[in-house]
Amino acid sequence: MIITVTNPFKSMYIEDAEGSLRIDEGMKIKFVAETGEVISGTLTKISGKGEKTKLQIIPYGAQKEEIWALTVMQESSLGIDEDVCD
């Protein structure tokens, strides 16, 4: 018998004018906050559903995690950070 303790494949799908995109925990992401600040880092956790979805990230060069709600992100700004090499 196999017992699943955690599911390592946590992901979400987003849609904008360019189409749909799958974002998984562990990916490098970036977005623009309502204040105009560009936030980028490693996505460590996705929690909540729908409008209450929150993303927990570790910004590049930081040691502390930050939690950001989708409601404080500029529309269509969330995406994969392709400027960073793994």
Protein backbone atom coordinates (compact mmCIF):
# COMPACT_ATOMS: atom_id res chain seq x y z
CA MET A 1 0.00 0.00 0.00
CA ILE A 2 1.20 3.52 -0.82
CA ILE A 3 0.37 6.32 1.58
CA THR A 4 0.76 9.87 0.36
CA VAL A 5 2.01 12.19 3.08
CA THR A 6 2.37 15.31 0.91
CA ASN A 7 1.91 16.01 -2.73
CA PRO A 8 5.13 17.60 -4.04
CA PHE A 9 3.44 18.86 -7.19
CA LYS A 10 1.63 21.96 -5.96
CA SER A 11 0.73 24.22 -8.84
CA MET A 12 -1.69 26.81 -10.12
CA TYR A 13 -2.82 27.92 -13.54
CA ILE A 14 -3.19 31.57 -14.47
CA GLU A 15 -4.78 33.07 -17.56
CA ASP A 16 -4.21 36.42 -19.20
CA ALA A 17 -4.35 37.91 -22.69
CA GLU A 18 -1.36 35.79 -23.76
CA GLY A 19 -2.94 32.49 -22.72
CA SER A 20 -2.63 30.15 -19.75
CA LEU A 21 0.46 29.40 -17.69
CA ARG A 22 1.20 26.76 -15.07
CA ILE A 23 3.23 27.89 -12.05
CA ASP A 24 4.63 25.24 -9.68
CA GLU A 25 6.11 25.49 -6.21
CA GLY A 26 9.89 25.68 -6.54
CA MET A 27 9.79 27.83 -9.69
CA LYS A 28 11.44 31.23 -10.04
CA ILE A 29 8.64 33.79 -10.39
CA LYS A 30 8.20 37.53 -10.65
CA PHE A 31 5.32 39.99 -10.47
CA VAL A 32 4.61 43.67 -9.95
CA ALA A 33 2.93 44.79 -6.73
CA GLU A 34 0.25 47.51 -6.77
CA THR A 35 2.92 49.94 -5.55
CA GLY A 36 4.95 49.34 -8.72
CA GLU A 37 7.65 47.33 -6.93
CA VAL A 38 8.94 44.35 -8.92
CA ILE A 39 9.06 41.23 -6.73
CA SER A 40 11.01 38.16 -7.81
CA GLY A 41 12.20 35.01 -6.10
CA THR A 42 11.60 31.31 -5.55
CA LEU A 43 8.02 30.20 -4.96
CA THR A 44 7.96 27.99 -1.86
CA LYS A 45 4.23 27.56 -1.23
CA ILE A 46 0.84 28.21 -2.79
CA SER A 47 -2.09 28.48 -0.39
CA GLY A 48 -5.74 29.40 -0.61
CA LYS A 49 -8.08 29.28 -3.58
CA GLY A 50 -9.44 31.77 -6.07
CA GLU A 51 -9.19 35.39 -4.96
CA LYS A 52 -7.79 34.30 -1.59
CA THR A 53 -4.72 32.65 -3.13
CA LYS A 54 -1.42 33.63 -1.52
CA LEU A 55 2.11 32.95 -2.70
CA GLN A 56 4.97 32.42 -0.29
CA ILE A 57 8.34 33.32 -1.83
CA ILE A 58 11.96 33.76 -0.88
CA PRO A 59 13.20 36.85 -2.76
CA TYR A 60 16.61 36.52 -4.42
CA GLY A 61 19.40 37.21 -1.95
CA ALA A 62 17.05 37.17 1.05
CA GLN A 63 16.85 34.73 3.92
CA LYS A 64 13.26 35.41 4.98
CA GLU A 65 10.11 34.34 3.20
CA GLU A 66 7.42 36.79 2.16
CA ILE A 67 3.72 36.11 1.61
CA TRP A 68 1.91 37.95 -1.18
CA ALA A 69 -1.81 37.84 -1.97
CA LEU A 70 -2.89 37.79 -5.61
CA THR A 71 -5.11 40.78 -4.84
CA VAL A 72 -2.06 43.07 -4.38
CA MET A 73 -0.48 42.15 -7.72
CA GLN A 74 -0.95 44.18 -10.87
CA GLU A 75 -3.12 42.44 -13.42
CA SER A 76 -1.23 40.11 -15.79
CA SER A 77 2.12 40.73 -14.05
CA LEU A 78 2.59 37.28 -12.49
CA GLY A 79 4.85 34.97 -14.47
CA ILE A 80 7.95 32.81 -14.58
CA ASP A 81 11.22 34.69 -14.12
CA GLU A 82 13.07 33.71 -17.27
CA ASP A 83 15.95 36.12 -16.52
CA VAL A 84 17.33 33.78 -13.85
CA CYS A 85 19.40 30.69 -14.62
CA ASP A 86 19.14 27.65 -12.33
